N, C-alpha and C. Protein backbone atom coordinates (compact mmCIF):
# COMPACT_ATOMS: atom_id res chain seq x y z
N UNK A 1 9.41 -8.15 -9.99
CA UNK A 1 8.76 -7.25 -8.79
C UNK A 1 8.71 -8.35 -8.00
N UNK A 2 8.69 -7.59 -6.62
CA UNK A 2 8.80 -8.82 -5.57
C UNK A 2 7.67 -8.37 -4.77
N UNK A 3 6.38 -9.22 -5.07
CA UNK A 3 5.12 -8.77 -4.53
C UNK A 3 5.10 -9.11 -3.09
N UNK A 4 5.92 -9.86 -2.18
CA UNK A 4 6.13 -10.29 -1.20
C UNK A 4 7.42 -10.42 -0.40
N UNK A 5 6.92 -8.94 0.44
CA UNK A 5 8.00 -8.63 1.20
C UNK A 5 8.27 -9.84 2.61
N UNK A 6 7.42 -10.59 3.10
CA UNK A 6 6.91 -11.61 3.55
C UNK A 6 6.13 -11.00 4.98
N UNK A 7 5.86 -9.72 5.13
CA UNK A 7 4.93 -9.19 5.88
C UNK A 7 4.01 -8.77 5.27
N UNK A 8 4.18 -7.93 4.11
CA UNK A 8 3.16 -7.39 3.29
C UNK A 8 3.10 -7.87 2.24
N UNK A 9 1.91 -7.99 1.50
CA UNK A 9 2.28 -8.10 0.01
C UNK A 9 1.30 -7.54 -1.02
N UNK A 10 1.15 -7.81 -2.03
CA UNK A 10 0.03 -7.27 -2.94
C UNK A 10 -0.63 -8.29 -3.48
N UNK A 11 -1.94 -7.67 -3.51
CA UNK A 11 -3.19 -9.19 -3.91
C UNK A 11 -3.10 -9.82 -4.73
N UNK A 12 -3.31 -10.95 -5.33
CA UNK A 12 -3.42 -11.71 -6.59
C UNK A 12 -3.52 -10.60 -7.96
N UNK A 13 -4.63 -10.02 -7.73
CA UNK A 13 -4.55 -9.33 -9.10
C UNK A 13 -3.73 -7.72 -8.85
N UNK A 14 -3.18 -7.46 -8.01
CA UNK A 14 -2.69 -6.66 -7.54
C UNK A 14 -3.09 -5.17 -7.10
N UNK A 15 -4.38 -5.52 -6.91
CA UNK A 15 -5.33 -4.13 -6.44
C UNK A 15 -5.53 -4.00 -4.90
N UNK A 16 -4.84 -4.67 -4.28
CA UNK A 16 -4.90 -4.50 -2.34
C UNK A 16 -3.62 -4.71 -1.88
N UNK A 17 -3.24 -4.44 -1.02
CA UNK A 17 -2.12 -4.65 0.02
C UNK A 17 -2.73 -5.59 0.68
N UNK A 18 -2.03 -6.50 1.28
CA UNK A 18 -2.37 -7.05 2.28
C UNK A 18 -1.22 -7.78 3.19
N UNK A 19 -1.85 -8.04 4.68
CA UNK A 19 -1.11 -8.52 5.55
C UNK A 19 -1.63 -9.00 6.37
N UNK A 20 -0.87 -9.80 7.56
CA UNK A 20 -1.82 -10.31 8.54
C UNK A 20 -1.25 -9.56 9.77
N UNK A 21 -2.34 -9.34 10.73
CA UNK A 21 -1.93 -8.61 11.76
C UNK A 21 -2.77 -9.62 13.25
N UNK A 22 -1.69 -9.37 13.94
CA UNK A 22 -2.24 -9.69 15.45
C UNK A 22 -1.83 -10.94 15.82
N UNK A 23 -1.88 -11.75 16.73
CA UNK A 23 -1.48 -13.23 17.19
C UNK A 23 -2.05 -14.25 16.20
N UNK A 24 -3.45 -13.57 15.97
CA UNK A 24 -3.97 -14.82 15.54
C UNK A 24 -4.03 -14.63 13.78
N UNK A 25 -3.39 -13.72 13.19
CA UNK A 25 -3.16 -13.53 11.91
C UNK A 25 -3.82 -12.96 10.84
N UNK A 26 -4.95 -12.15 11.69
CA UNK A 26 -6.07 -11.83 10.88
C UNK A 26 -5.57 -10.75 9.56
N UNK A 27 -6.23 -11.29 8.63
CA UNK A 27 -6.05 -10.71 7.40
C UNK A 27 -6.22 -9.30 7.13
N UNK A 28 -5.88 -8.08 7.32
CA UNK A 28 -6.20 -6.69 6.53
C UNK A 28 -5.67 -6.47 5.48
N UNK A 29 -6.70 -5.80 4.67
CA UNK A 29 -6.48 -5.20 3.29
C UNK A 29 -6.77 -4.05 3.25
N UNK A 30 -5.74 -3.55 1.95
CA UNK A 30 -6.03 -2.29 1.78
C UNK A 30 -6.50 -1.95 0.41
N UNK A 31 -7.36 -1.45 0.02
CA UNK A 31 -7.99 -1.65 -1.24
C UNK A 31 -7.44 -0.49 -1.79
N UNK A 32 -6.34 -0.44 -2.97
CA UNK A 32 -5.78 0.53 -3.68
C UNK A 32 -7.07 1.76 -4.62
N UNK A 33 -7.79 1.34 -4.73
CA UNK A 33 -8.83 2.04 -5.03
C UNK A 33 -9.23 3.24 -3.98
N UNK A 34 -8.92 3.12 -2.98
CA UNK A 34 -8.92 3.77 -1.82
C UNK A 34 -7.89 5.07 -1.80
N UNK A 35 -6.63 4.83 -2.43
CA UNK A 35 -5.96 5.74 -2.47
C UNK A 35 -5.24 6.12 -3.78
N UNK A 36 -6.00 7.46 -3.87
CA UNK A 36 -5.81 8.26 -4.89
C UNK A 36 -5.25 9.14 -5.18
N UNK A 37 -4.65 9.45 -4.24
CA UNK A 37 -3.50 10.84 -3.91
C UNK A 37 -2.78 11.19 -2.75
N UNK A 38 -1.92 11.64 -2.76
CA UNK A 38 -0.89 11.57 -1.54
C UNK A 38 -1.22 11.69 -0.52
N UNK A 39 -2.36 12.41 -0.06
CA UNK A 39 -3.21 13.03 1.00
C UNK A 39 -3.32 11.17 1.63
N UNK A 40 -4.05 10.59 0.84
CA UNK A 40 -4.33 9.36 0.72
C UNK A 40 -2.95 8.43 1.38
N UNK A 41 -2.56 8.00 0.55
CA UNK A 41 -0.82 7.87 1.32
C UNK A 41 -0.90 8.23 2.77
N UNK A 42 -0.76 9.01 2.93
CA UNK A 42 -0.44 9.92 4.11
C UNK A 42 -1.13 9.50 5.30
N UNK A 43 -2.58 9.70 5.31
CA UNK A 43 -3.80 9.54 6.28
C UNK A 43 -3.52 7.98 6.05
N UNK A 44 -3.24 6.77 5.21
CA UNK A 44 -3.17 5.51 5.43
C UNK A 44 -2.11 5.15 6.29
N UNK A 45 -0.61 5.67 5.69
CA UNK A 45 0.20 5.70 6.72
C UNK A 45 -0.17 6.26 8.22
N UNK A 46 -0.88 7.01 8.39
CA UNK A 46 -0.69 7.27 10.02
C UNK A 46 -1.86 6.49 10.76
N UNK A 47 -2.96 6.03 9.78
CA UNK A 47 -3.95 5.13 10.33
C UNK A 47 -3.23 4.00 10.56
N UNK A 48 -2.23 3.16 10.03
CA UNK A 48 -1.51 1.91 10.52
C UNK A 48 -0.77 2.33 11.53
N UNK A 49 0.03 3.59 11.33
CA UNK A 49 0.81 3.61 12.70
C UNK A 49 0.52 3.91 13.75
N UNK A 50 -1.08 4.09 13.83
CA UNK A 50 -1.68 3.97 15.02
C UNK A 50 -2.21 2.72 15.88
N UNK A 51 -2.15 1.97 14.86
CA UNK A 51 -2.40 0.05 15.13
C UNK A 51 -1.05 -0.25 16.10
N UNK A 52 -1.56 -0.82 17.06
CA UNK A 52 -0.52 -1.54 18.43
C UNK A 52 0.19 -2.38 17.61
N UNK A 53 -0.43 -3.46 16.88
CA UNK A 53 0.13 -4.46 16.29
C UNK A 53 1.34 -4.12 14.98
N UNK A 54 1.27 -2.87 14.27
CA UNK A 54 1.56 -2.61 13.55
C UNK A 54 3.15 -1.79 13.58
N UNK A 55 4.15 -2.50 12.86
CA UNK A 55 5.76 -2.23 13.39
C UNK A 55 6.19 -1.23 12.39
N UNK A 56 7.50 -0.67 12.60
CA UNK A 56 7.97 0.16 11.57
C UNK A 56 8.56 -0.28 10.45
N UNK A 57 8.50 -1.77 10.40
CA UNK A 57 8.99 -2.70 9.46
C UNK A 57 7.79 -2.90 8.34
N UNK A 58 6.40 -2.95 9.23
CA UNK A 58 5.15 -3.15 8.14
C UNK A 58 4.92 -1.58 7.14
N UNK A 59 5.11 -0.77 8.33
CA UNK A 59 4.98 0.76 7.50
C UNK A 59 6.03 0.88 6.49
N UNK A 60 6.96 0.42 6.39
CA UNK A 60 7.96 0.42 5.38
C UNK A 60 7.96 -0.04 4.26
N UNK A 61 7.16 -1.51 4.38
CA UNK A 61 6.51 -2.35 3.41
C UNK A 61 5.52 -1.74 3.08
N UNK A 62 4.57 -1.07 3.60
CA UNK A 62 3.09 -0.24 2.95
C UNK A 62 3.56 0.36 1.84
N UNK A 63 4.56 1.09 2.31
CA UNK A 63 5.31 2.24 0.95
C UNK A 63 6.03 1.41 0.03
N UNK A 64 6.64 0.28 0.30
CA UNK A 64 7.37 -0.17 -0.75
C UNK A 64 5.95 -0.74 -1.82
N UNK A 65 4.98 -1.55 -1.06
CA UNK A 65 3.84 -1.91 -1.67
C UNK A 65 3.00 -0.73 -2.51
N UNK A 66 3.05 0.24 -2.10
CA UNK A 66 2.69 1.62 -3.11
C UNK A 66 3.28 1.51 -4.25
N UNK A 67 4.68 1.46 -3.95
CA UNK A 67 5.83 1.72 -5.15
C UNK A 67 5.74 0.72 -6.11
N UNK A 68 5.37 -0.79 -5.56
CA UNK A 68 5.32 -1.97 -6.45
C UNK A 68 3.88 -1.84 -7.60
N UNK A 69 3.05 -1.16 -6.59
CA UNK A 69 1.64 -1.00 -7.11
C UNK A 69 1.54 -0.48 -8.60
N UNK A 70 2.36 0.93 -8.28
CA UNK A 70 2.51 1.94 -9.33
C UNK A 70 3.30 1.48 -10.35
N UNK A 71 4.41 0.55 -10.33
CA UNK A 71 5.15 0.13 -10.80
C UNK A 71 4.68 -0.71 -11.77
N UNK A 72 3.71 -1.66 -11.45
CA UNK A 72 2.95 -2.44 -11.92
C UNK A 72 1.75 -2.04 -12.78
N UNK A 73 0.81 -1.23 -12.37
CA UNK A 73 -0.22 -0.88 -12.98
C UNK A 73 0.32 0.26 -13.90
N UNK A 74 1.25 1.25 -13.49
CA UNK A 74 1.26 2.38 -14.49
C UNK A 74 2.62 2.34 -15.21
N UNK A 75 3.72 1.33 -14.61
CA UNK A 75 5.14 1.57 -15.28
C UNK A 75 5.77 2.93 -14.50
N UNK A 76 5.15 3.50 -13.47
CA UNK A 76 6.02 4.74 -13.01
C UNK A 76 5.95 4.50 -11.22
N UNK A 77 6.90 5.68 -11.15
CA UNK A 77 7.34 5.74 -9.57
C UNK A 77 5.78 6.46 -8.79
N UNK A 78 5.90 5.94 -7.63
CA UNK A 78 4.53 6.75 -7.32
C UNK A 78 4.76 8.43 -7.27
N UNK A 79 6.20 8.75 -6.94
CA UNK A 79 6.20 10.23 -6.94
C UNK A 79 5.74 10.94 -8.57
N UNK A 80 6.01 10.10 -9.25
CA UNK A 80 5.46 10.86 -10.52
C UNK A 80 3.56 10.80 -10.63
N UNK A 81 3.36 10.09 -9.92
CA UNK A 81 1.91 10.07 -10.07
C UNK A 81 1.53 10.83 -9.22
N UNK A 82 1.77 11.02 -7.94
CA UNK A 82 1.25 11.27 -7.03
C UNK A 82 1.62 12.72 -6.14
N UNK A 83 2.65 13.09 -6.88
CA UNK A 83 3.17 14.41 -6.62
C UNK A 83 2.88 15.62 -7.07
N UNK A 84 2.47 16.89 -6.46
CA UNK A 84 2.38 17.54 -6.87
C UNK A 84 0.84 17.71 -7.43
N UNK A 85 -0.16 17.60 -6.39
CA UNK A 85 -1.64 17.09 -6.26
C UNK A 85 -1.91 16.16 -7.55
N UNK A 86 -1.29 15.28 -7.95
CA UNK A 86 -1.81 14.28 -9.10
C UNK A 86 -2.84 13.05 -8.18
N UNK A 87 -4.08 12.59 -9.16
CA UNK A 87 -5.02 12.07 -8.96
C UNK A 87 -4.59 10.32 -9.61
N UNK A 88 -4.46 9.51 -8.87
CA UNK A 88 -4.33 8.41 -9.54
C UNK A 88 -5.41 7.59 -9.87
N UNK A 89 -5.93 7.19 -10.83
CA UNK A 89 -7.15 6.26 -11.68
C UNK A 89 -6.78 4.73 -11.73
N UNK A 90 -6.83 4.11 -10.52
CA UNK A 90 -6.33 2.65 -11.07
C UNK A 90 -7.34 1.76 -11.81
N UNK A 91 -7.05 0.61 -12.07
CA UNK A 91 -7.71 -0.17 -13.11
C UNK A 91 -8.54 -0.60 -12.41
N UNK A 92 -9.97 -0.57 -13.13
CA UNK A 92 -11.01 -1.51 -12.20
C UNK A 92 -11.31 -2.88 -12.29
C-alpha cells in the first residue's frame, strides 16, 4: 500500500488522513472515525474543496487515502463498504 502520495498520507496508525496546508505547512488531520457513511465522505470532500489552499490534486489524494484506509483496515474497496447506505465501524 502506498501510504504517502507526497501531498496527503495516512497517519502511522492508519486512522487519520493527514496533509500540510498553507504556506507554513500547518498539519491538517481528518480522523477516519468521523467518516462513517458515504454522506460523510461527500461532506468532507466539499469541506476541503471550499478551502482556498486545497488543490484538485489534494481532493483526488483524499479519495485515494479513503480507499487505502478501507483496504488497510477491511481489505475492501470503499464502494463495498459505503455504498447502499453502508455504515463503517473503524477500529478503535
